[in-house]
Amino acid sequence: MRTLLRNSLTGLYVESLDTWTNRADGAFAFDKMDQAIWFARQSDISGMELVFVSDAAGPVVRVPLGSLGHPLMSLAAPRPLSDQPL
């Protein structure tokens, strides 16, 4: 399972510190979920969400960081990605 960060406003994934990509397979995969959350909080960009991707099954679920208690993030509930474009 890969943990990615995506800006839900732009649809872009974090590729590196100053680079974004529209491809999930080109995105930086965080080793741990808390590392991705820390990075998102430090970047201070609104609308960030965690995206969990299984190499076998593809995108599994995305979780808006606001649902984890960060005031700058979206407050929507987690959603499956099966019917949503990446």
PDB file of N, CA and C in Angstrom:
ATOM      1  N   MET A   1       0.841  -1.173   0.000  1.00  0.00           N
ATOM      2  CA  MET A   1       0.000   0.000   0.000  1.00  0.00           C
ATOM      3  C   MET A   1       0.889   1.239   0.000  1.00  0.00           C
ATOM      4  N   ARG A   2       0.632   2.152  -0.930  1.00  0.00           N
ATOM      5  CA  ARG A   2       1.377   3.411  -1.007  1.00  0.00           C
ATOM      6  C   ARG A   2       0.531   4.532  -0.435  1.00  0.00           C
ATOM      7  N   THR A   3       1.178   5.465   0.263  1.00  0.00           N
ATOM      8  CA  THR A   3       0.512   6.633   0.825  1.00  0.00           C
ATOM      9  C   THR A   3       0.968   7.863   0.060  1.00  0.00           C
ATOM     10  N   LEU A   4       0.024   8.537  -0.597  1.00  0.00           N
ATOM     11  CA  LEU A   4       0.322   9.709  -1.416  1.00  0.00           C
ATOM     12  C   LEU A   4      -0.406  10.921  -0.846  1.00  0.00           C
ATOM     13  N   LEU A   5       0.067  12.102  -1.222  1.00  0.00           N
ATOM     14  CA  LEU A   5      -0.616  13.349  -0.884  1.00  0.00           C
ATOM     15  C   LEU A   5      -1.127  13.975  -2.165  1.00  0.00           C
ATOM     16  N   ARG A   6      -2.375  14.409  -2.144  1.00  0.00           N
ATOM     17  CA  ARG A   6      -3.000  15.009  -3.323  1.00  0.00           C
ATOM     18  C   ARG A   6      -3.691  16.303  -2.919  1.00  0.00           C
ATOM     19  N   ASN A   7      -3.572  17.303  -3.747  1.00  0.00           N
ATOM     20  CA  ASN A   7      -4.308  18.540  -3.537  1.00  0.00           C
ATOM     21  C   ASN A   7      -5.658  18.362  -4.218  1.00  0.00           C
ATOM     22  N   SER A   8      -6.722  18.296  -3.425  1.00  0.00           N
ATOM     23  CA  SER A   8      -8.040  18.023  -4.001  1.00  0.00           C
ATOM     24  C   SER A   8      -8.554  19.186  -4.840  1.00  0.00           C
ATOM     25  N   LEU A   9      -8.006  20.373  -4.658  1.00  0.00           N
ATOM     26  CA  LEU A   9      -8.430  21.530  -5.455  1.00  0.00           C
ATOM     27  C   LEU A   9      -7.844  21.486  -6.863  1.00  0.00           C
ATOM     28  N   THR A  10      -6.598  21.031  -6.990  1.00  0.00           N
ATOM     29  CA  THR A  10      -5.926  20.993  -8.299  1.00  0.00           C
ATOM     30  C   THR A  10      -5.898  19.587  -8.899  1.00  0.00           C
ATOM     31  N   GLY A  11      -6.051  18.559  -8.064  1.00  0.00           N
ATOM     32  CA  GLY A  11      -5.956  17.179  -8.519  1.00  0.00           C
ATOM     33  C   GLY A  11      -4.528  16.698  -8.665  1.00  0.00           C
ATOM     34  N   LEU A  12      -3.555  17.507  -8.235  1.00  0.00           N
ATOM     35  CA  LEU A  12      -2.144  17.152  -8.387  1.00  0.00           C
ATOM     36  C   LEU A  12      -1.601  16.474  -7.131  1.00  0.00           C
ATOM     37  N   TYR A  13      -0.670  15.559  -7.354  1.00  0.00           N
ATOM     38  CA  TYR A  13      -0.009  14.828  -6.282  1.00  0.00           C
ATOM     39  C   TYR A  13       1.367  15.434  -6.010  1.00  0.00           C
ATOM     40  N   VAL A  14       1.835  15.300  -4.776  1.00  0.00           N
ATOM     41  CA  VAL A  14       3.191  15.717  -4.435  1.00  0.00           C
ATOM     42  C   VAL A  14       4.168  14.752  -5.097  1.00  0.00           C
ATOM     43  N   GLU A  15       5.082  15.319  -5.874  1.00  0.00           N
ATOM     44  CA  GLU A  15       6.134  14.506  -6.499  1.00  0.00           C
ATOM     45  C   GLU A  15       7.446  14.682  -5.742  1.00  0.00           C
ATOM     46  N   SER A  16       7.737  15.913  -5.347  1.00  0.00           N
ATOM     47  CA  SER A  16       8.906  16.231  -4.529  1.00  0.00           C
ATOM     48  C   SER A  16       8.584  17.518  -3.777  1.00  0.00           C
ATOM     49  N   LEU A  17       9.551  18.057  -3.086  1.00  0.00           N
ATOM     50  CA  LEU A  17       9.317  19.221  -2.241  1.00  0.00           C
ATOM     51  C   LEU A  17       8.653  20.373  -2.993  1.00  0.00           C
ATOM     52  N   ASP A  18       9.073  20.663  -4.206  1.00  0.00           N
ATOM     53  CA  ASP A  18       8.523  21.784  -4.976  1.00  0.00           C
ATOM     54  C   ASP A  18       7.898  21.371  -6.302  1.00  0.00           C
ATOM     55  N   THR A  19       7.615  20.079  -6.466  1.00  0.00           N
ATOM     56  CA  THR A  19       7.117  19.585  -7.747  1.00  0.00           C
ATOM     57  C   THR A  19       5.831  18.795  -7.542  1.00  0.00           C
ATOM     58  N   TRP A  20       4.886  19.008  -8.465  1.00  0.00           N
ATOM     59  CA  TRP A  20       3.602  18.312  -8.435  1.00  0.00           C
ATOM     60  C   TRP A  20       3.430  17.539  -9.736  1.00  0.00           C
ATOM     61  N   THR A  21       2.623  16.482  -9.694  1.00  0.00           N
ATOM     62  CA  THR A  21       2.342  15.675 -10.879  1.00  0.00           C
ATOM     63  C   THR A  21       0.863  15.314 -10.903  1.00  0.00           C
ATOM     64  N   ASN A  22       0.332  15.093 -12.093  1.00  0.00           N
ATOM     65  CA  ASN A  22      -1.057  14.657 -12.191  1.00  0.00           C
ATOM     66  C   ASN A  22      -1.178  13.134 -12.232  1.00  0.00           C
ATOM     67  N   ARG A  23      -0.060  12.448 -12.103  1.00  0.00           N
ATOM     68  CA  ARG A  23      -0.043  10.988 -12.170  1.00  0.00           C
ATOM     69  C   ARG A  23       0.233  10.374 -10.801  1.00  0.00           C
ATOM     70  N   ALA A  24      -0.660   9.521 -10.347  1.00  0.00           N
ATOM     71  CA  ALA A  24      -0.467   8.840  -9.068  1.00  0.00           C
ATOM     72  C   ALA A  24       0.796   7.988  -9.082  1.00  0.00           C
ATOM     73  N   ASP A  25       1.109   7.373 -10.224  1.00  0.00           N
ATOM     74  CA  ASP A  25       2.295   6.517 -10.284  1.00  0.00           C
ATOM     75  C   ASP A  25       3.596   7.321 -10.277  1.00  0.00           C
ATOM     76  N   GLY A  26       3.531   8.630 -10.506  1.00  0.00           N
ATOM     77  CA  GLY A  26       4.716   9.475 -10.448  1.00  0.00           C
ATOM     78  C   GLY A  26       4.847  10.232  -9.137  1.00  0.00           C
ATOM     79  N   ALA A  27       3.883  10.039  -8.251  1.00  0.00           N
ATOM     80  CA  ALA A  27       3.859  10.767  -6.976  1.00  0.00           C
ATOM     81  C   ALA A  27       4.839  10.166  -5.978  1.00  0.00           C
ATOM     82  N   PHE A  28       5.272  11.010  -5.039  1.00  0.00           N
ATOM     83  CA  PHE A  28       6.133  10.547  -3.956  1.00  0.00           C
ATOM     84  C   PHE A  28       5.298   9.676  -3.020  1.00  0.00           C
ATOM     85  N   ALA A  29       5.799   8.504  -2.688  1.00  0.00           N
ATOM     86  CA  ALA A  29       5.121   7.598  -1.763  1.00  0.00           C
ATOM     87  C   ALA A  29       5.767   7.740  -0.387  1.00  0.00           C
ATOM     88  N   PHE A  30       4.976   8.195   0.563  1.00  0.00           N
ATOM     89  CA  PHE A  30       5.463   8.350   1.930  1.00  0.00           C
ATOM     90  C   PHE A  30       5.542   6.986   2.599  1.00  0.00           C
ATOM     91  N   ASP A  31       6.571   6.791   3.428  1.00  0.00           N
ATOM     92  CA  ASP A  31       6.735   5.521   4.133  1.00  0.00           C
ATOM     93  C   ASP A  31       5.633   5.293   5.155  1.00  0.00           C
ATOM     94  N   LYS A  32       5.213   6.383   5.795  1.00  0.00           N
ATOM     95  CA  LYS A  32       4.197   6.290   6.846  1.00  0.00           C
ATOM     96  C   LYS A  32       3.182   7.405   6.675  1.00  0.00           C
ATOM     97  N   MET A  33       1.970   7.131   7.098  1.00  0.00           N
ATOM     98  CA  MET A  33       0.901   8.112   6.995  1.00  0.00           C
ATOM     99  C   MET A  33       1.232   9.389   7.763  1.00  0.00           C
ATOM    100  N   ASP A  34       1.834   9.260   8.945  1.00  0.00           N
ATOM    101  CA  ASP A  34       2.133  10.458   9.739  1.00  0.00           C
ATOM    102  C   ASP A  34       3.178  11.348   9.068  1.00  0.00           C
ATOM    103  N   GLN A  35       4.059  10.778   8.248  1.00  0.00           N
ATOM    104  CA  GLN A  35       5.012  11.598   7.493  1.00  0.00           C
ATOM    105  C   GLN A  35       4.282  12.444   6.450  1.00  0.00           C
ATOM    106  N   ALA A  36       3.299  11.859   5.792  1.00  0.00           N
ATOM    107  CA  ALA A  36       2.513  12.593   4.802  1.00  0.00           C
ATOM    108  C   ALA A  36       1.712  13.707   5.473  1.00  0.00           C
ATOM    109  N   ILE A  37       1.137  13.423   6.621  1.00  0.00           N
ATOM    110  CA  ILE A  37       0.374  14.442   7.354  1.00  0.00           C
ATOM    111  C   ILE A  37       1.292  15.572   7.791  1.00  0.00           C
ATOM    112  N   TRP A  38       2.463  15.238   8.299  1.00  0.00           N
ATOM    113  CA  TRP A  38       3.421  16.271   8.716  1.00  0.00           C
ATOM    114  C   TRP A  38       3.797  17.149   7.528  1.00  0.00           C
ATOM    115  N   PHE A  39       4.095  16.543   6.379  1.00  0.00           N
ATOM    116  CA  PHE A  39       4.461  17.294   5.183  1.00  0.00           C
ATOM    117  C   PHE A  39       3.331  18.234   4.769  1.00  0.00           C
ATOM    118  N   ALA A  40       2.108  17.749   4.777  1.00  0.00           N
ATOM    119  CA  ALA A  40       0.961  18.573   4.387  1.00  0.00           C
ATOM    120  C   ALA A  40       0.790  19.752   5.331  1.00  0.00           C
ATOM    121  N   ARG A  41       0.943  19.519   6.607  1.00  0.00           N
ATOM    122  CA  ARG A  41       0.800  20.606   7.583  1.00  0.00           C
ATOM    123  C   ARG A  41       1.904  21.637   7.419  1.00  0.00           C
ATOM    124  N   GLN A  42       3.112  21.185   7.137  1.00  0.00           N
ATOM    125  CA  GLN A  42       4.228  22.112   6.950  1.00  0.00           C
ATOM    126  C   GLN A  42       4.078  22.923   5.665  1.00  0.00           C
ATOM    127  N   SER A  43       3.474  22.334   4.648  1.00  0.00           N
ATOM    128  CA  SER A  43       3.310  23.050   3.381  1.00  0.00           C
ATOM    129  C   SER A  43       2.213  24.108   3.467  1.00  0.00           C
ATOM    130  N   ASP A  44       1.299  23.951   4.430  1.00  0.00           N
ATOM    131  CA  ASP A  44       0.254  24.944   4.687  1.00  0.00           C
ATOM    132  C   ASP A  44      -0.607  25.212   3.450  1.00  0.00           C
ATOM    133  N   ILE A  45      -0.910  24.159   2.698  1.00  0.00           N
ATOM    134  CA  ILE A  45      -1.740  24.263   1.499  1.00  0.00           C
ATOM    135  C   ILE A  45      -3.112  23.671   1.823  1.00  0.00           C
ATOM    136  N   SER A  46      -4.168  24.412   1.541  1.00  0.00           N
ATOM    137  CA  SER A  46      -5.502  23.914   1.855  1.00  0.00           C
ATOM    138  C   SER A  46      -5.944  22.861   0.848  1.00  0.00           C
ATOM    139  N   GLY A  47      -6.878  22.028   1.271  1.00  0.00           N
ATOM    140  CA  GLY A  47      -7.463  21.021   0.393  1.00  0.00           C
ATOM    141  C   GLY A  47      -6.630  19.782   0.174  1.00  0.00           C
ATOM    142  N   MET A  48      -5.680  19.508   1.043  1.00  0.00           N
ATOM    143  CA  MET A  48      -4.849  18.315   0.873  1.00  0.00           C
ATOM    144  C   MET A  48      -5.580  17.077   1.386  1.00  0.00           C
ATOM    145  N   GLU A  49      -5.291  15.961   0.744  1.00  0.00           N
ATOM    146  CA  GLU A  49      -5.874  14.699   1.167  1.00  0.00           C
ATOM    147  C   GLU A  49      -4.859  13.578   1.007  1.00  0.00           C
ATOM    148  N   LEU A  50      -4.989  12.565   1.864  1.00  0.00           N
ATOM    149  CA  LEU A  50      -4.187  11.355   1.740  1.00  0.00           C
ATOM    150  C   LEU A  50      -4.864  10.460   0.720  1.00  0.00           C
ATOM    151  N   VAL A  51      -4.068   9.824  -0.116  1.00  0.00           N
ATOM    152  CA  VAL A  51      -4.596   8.841  -1.058  1.00  0.00           C
ATOM    153  C   VAL A  51      -3.825   7.551  -0.830  1.00  0.00           C
ATOM    154  N   PHE A  52      -4.549   6.487  -0.560  1.00  0.00           N
ATOM    155  CA  PHE A  52      -3.937   5.182  -0.356  1.00  0.00           C
ATOM    156  C   PHE A  52      -4.116   4.374  -1.630  1.00  0.00           C
ATOM    157  N   VAL A  53      -3.012   3.846  -2.150  1.00  0.00           N
ATOM    158  CA  VAL A  53      -3.021   3.138  -3.417  1.00  0.00           C
ATOM    159  C   VAL A  53      -2.412   1.757  -3.218  1.00  0.00           C
ATOM    160  N   SER A  54      -3.122   0.764  -3.678  1.00  0.00           N
ATOM    161  CA  SER A  54      -2.618  -0.601  -3.670  1.00  0.00           C
ATOM    162  C   SER A  54      -2.032  -0.887  -5.044  1.00  0.00           C
ATOM    163  N   ASP A  55      -0.830  -1.433  -5.084  1.00  0.00           N
ATOM    164  CA  ASP A  55      -0.213  -1.754  -6.370  1.00  0.00           C
ATOM    165  C   ASP A  55      -1.050  -2.764  -7.149  1.00  0.00           C
ATOM    166  N   ALA A  56      -1.733  -3.638  -6.440  1.00  0.00           N
ATOM    167  CA  ALA A  56      -2.540  -4.651  -7.103  1.00  0.00           C
ATOM    168  C   ALA A  56      -3.918  -4.127  -7.506  1.00  0.00           C
ATOM    169  N   ALA A  57      -4.523  -3.306  -6.649  1.00  0.00           N
ATOM    170  CA  ALA A  57      -5.907  -2.882  -6.880  1.00  0.00           C
ATOM    171  C   ALA A  57      -6.053  -1.450  -7.351  1.00  0.00           C
ATOM    172  N   GLY A  58      -4.965  -0.690  -7.383  1.00  0.00           N
ATOM    173  CA  GLY A  58      -5.050   0.713  -7.765  1.00  0.00           C
ATOM    174  C   GLY A  58      -5.503   1.573  -6.595  1.00  0.00           C
ATOM    175  N   PRO A  59      -6.049   2.765  -6.867  1.00  0.00           N
ATOM    176  CA  PRO A  59      -6.492   3.654  -5.793  1.00  0.00           C
ATOM    177  C   PRO A  59      -7.557   2.997  -4.937  1.00  0.00           C
ATOM    178  N   VAL A  60      -7.414   3.117  -3.638  1.00  0.00           N
ATOM    179  CA  VAL A  60      -8.334   2.472  -2.723  1.00  0.00           C
ATOM    180  C   VAL A  60      -9.257   3.501  -2.077  1.00  0.00           C
ATOM    181  N   VAL A  61      -8.676   4.493  -1.430  1.00  0.00           N
ATOM    182  CA  VAL A  61      -9.482   5.481  -0.720  1.00  0.00           C
ATOM    183  C   VAL A  61      -8.696   6.768  -0.577  1.00  0.00           C
ATOM    184  N   ARG A  62      -9.410   7.876  -0.460  1.00  0.00           N
ATOM    185  CA  ARG A  62      -8.743   9.133  -0.148  1.00  0.00           C
ATOM    186  C   ARG A  62      -9.393   9.716   1.094  1.00  0.00           C
ATOM    187  N   VAL A  63      -8.564  10.360   1.921  1.00  0.00           N
ATOM    188  CA  VAL A  63      -9.009  10.900   3.194  1.00  0.00           C
ATOM    189  C   VAL A  63      -8.625  12.368   3.261  1.00  0.00           C
ATOM    190  N   PRO A  64      -9.604  13.275   3.218  1.00  0.00           N
ATOM    191  CA  PRO A  64      -9.290  14.689   3.395  1.00  0.00           C
ATOM    192  C   PRO A  64      -8.662  14.915   4.762  1.00  0.00           C
ATOM    193  N   LEU A  65      -7.569  15.660   4.809  1.00  0.00           N
ATOM    194  CA  LEU A  65      -6.869  15.849   6.075  1.00  0.00           C
ATOM    195  C   LEU A  65      -7.701  16.603   7.092  1.00  0.00           C
ATOM    196  N   GLY A  66      -8.712  17.343   6.667  1.00  0.00           N
ATOM    197  CA  GLY A  66      -9.614  18.006   7.607  1.00  0.00           C
ATOM    198  C   GLY A  66     -10.356  17.013   8.473  1.00  0.00           C
ATOM    199  N   SER A  67     -10.595  15.834   7.956  1.00  0.00           N
ATOM    200  CA  SER A  67     -11.270  14.811   8.748  1.00  0.00           C
ATOM    201  C   SER A  67     -10.357  14.278   9.851  1.00  0.00           C
ATOM    202  N   LEU A  68      -9.060  14.634   9.778  1.00  0.00           N
ATOM    203  CA  LEU A  68      -8.102  14.245  10.816  1.00  0.00           C
ATOM    204  C   LEU A  68      -7.854  15.389  11.794  1.00  0.00           C
ATOM    205  N   GLY A  69      -8.598  16.493  11.630  1.00  0.00           N
ATOM    206  CA  GLY A  69      -8.528  17.570  12.599  1.00  0.00           C
ATOM    207  C   GLY A  69      -7.670  18.758  12.245  1.00  0.00           C
ATOM    208  N   HIS A  70      -7.207  18.883  11.014  1.00  0.00           N
ATOM    209  CA  HIS A  70      -6.392  20.048  10.648  1.00  0.00           C
ATOM    210  C   HIS A  70      -7.301  21.132  10.079  1.00  0.00           C
ATOM    211  N   PRO A  71      -7.266  22.360  10.643  1.00  0.00           N
ATOM    212  CA  PRO A  71      -8.217  23.406  10.254  1.00  0.00           C
ATOM    213  C   PRO A  71      -8.069  23.909   8.816  1.00  0.00           C
ATOM    214  N   LEU A  72      -6.917  23.774   8.185  1.00  0.00           N
ATOM    215  CA  LEU A  72      -6.738  24.280   6.827  1.00  0.00           C
ATOM    216  C   LEU A  72      -7.149  23.283   5.762  1.00  0.00           C
ATOM    217  N   MET A  73      -7.492  22.086   6.172  1.00  0.00           N
ATOM    218  CA  MET A  73      -7.786  21.034   5.212  1.00  0.00           C
ATOM    219  C   MET A  73      -9.290  20.890   5.022  1.00  0.00           C
ATOM    220  N   SER A  74      -9.680  20.225   3.948  1.00  0.00           N
ATOM    221  CA  SER A  74     -11.082  19.966   3.660  1.00  0.00           C
ATOM    222  C   SER A  74     -11.707  19.129   4.776  1.00  0.00           C
ATOM    223  N   LEU A  75     -12.986  19.342   5.049  1.00  0.00           N
ATOM    224  CA  LEU A  75     -13.650  18.618   6.124  1.00  0.00           C
ATOM    225  C   LEU A  75     -14.560  17.504   5.631  1.00  0.00           C
ATOM    226  N   ALA A  76     -14.470  17.148   4.373  1.00  0.00           N
ATOM    227  CA  ALA A  76     -15.325  16.098   3.822  1.00  0.00           C
ATOM    228  C   ALA A  76     -14.938  14.733   4.378  1.00  0.00           C
ATOM    229  N   ALA A  77     -15.879  13.805   4.344  1.00  0.00           N
ATOM    230  CA  ALA A  77     -15.639  12.446   4.830  1.00  0.00           C
ATOM    231  C   ALA A  77     -14.802  11.663   3.827  1.00  0.00           C
ATOM    232  N   PRO A  78     -14.090  10.621   4.278  1.00  0.00           N
ATOM    233  CA  PRO A  78     -13.325   9.776   3.356  1.00  0.00           C
ATOM    234  C   PRO A  78     -14.234   9.187   2.278  1.00  0.00           C
ATOM    235  N   ARG A  79     -13.692   9.043   1.062  1.00  0.00           N
ATOM    236  CA  ARG A  79     -14.486   8.540  -0.057  1.00  0.00           C
ATOM    237  C   ARG A  79     -13.714   7.480  -0.821  1.00  0.00           C
ATOM    238  N   PRO A  80     -14.399   6.433  -1.296  1.00  0.00           N
ATOM    239  CA  PRO A  80     -13.712   5.479  -2.165  1.00  0.00           C
ATOM    240  C   PRO A  80     -13.410   6.127  -3.505  1.00  0.00           C
ATOM    241  N   LEU A  81     -12.356   5.675  -4.160  1.00  0.00           N
ATOM    242  CA  LEU A  81     -11.958   6.269  -5.424  1.00  0.00           C
ATOM    243  C   LEU A  81     -12.478   5.533  -6.638  1.00  0.00           C
ATOM    244  N   SER A  82     -13.169   4.433  -6.439  1.00  0.00           N
ATOM    245  CA  SER A  82     -13.546   3.598  -7.571  1.00  0.00           C
ATOM    246  C   SER A  82     -14.373   4.345  -8.616  1.00  0.00           C
ATOM    247  N   ASP A  83     -15.172   5.318  -8.203  1.00  0.00           N
ATOM    248  CA  ASP A  83     -16.016   6.024  -9.167  1.00  0.00           C
ATOM    249  C   ASP A  83     -15.574   7.475  -9.386  1.00  0.00           C
ATOM    250  N   GLN A  84     -14.355   7.811  -8.987  1.00  0.00           N
ATOM    251  CA  GLN A  84     -13.879   9.179  -9.103  1.00  0.00           C
ATOM    252  C   GLN A  84     -12.586   9.208  -9.890  1.00  0.00           C
ATOM    253  N   PRO A  85     -12.426  10.191 -10.777  1.00  0.00           N
ATOM    254  CA  PRO A  85     -11.177  10.278 -11.547  1.00  0.00           C
ATOM    255  C   PRO A  85     -10.023  10.711 -10.677  1.00  0.00           C
ATOM    256  N   LEU A  86      -8.825  10.237 -11.025  1.00  0.00           N
ATOM    257  CA  LEU A  86      -7.622  10.668 -10.297  1.00  0.00           C
ATOM    258  C   LEU A  86      -6.968  11.799 -10.992  1.00  0.00           C
TER     259      LEU A  86
END
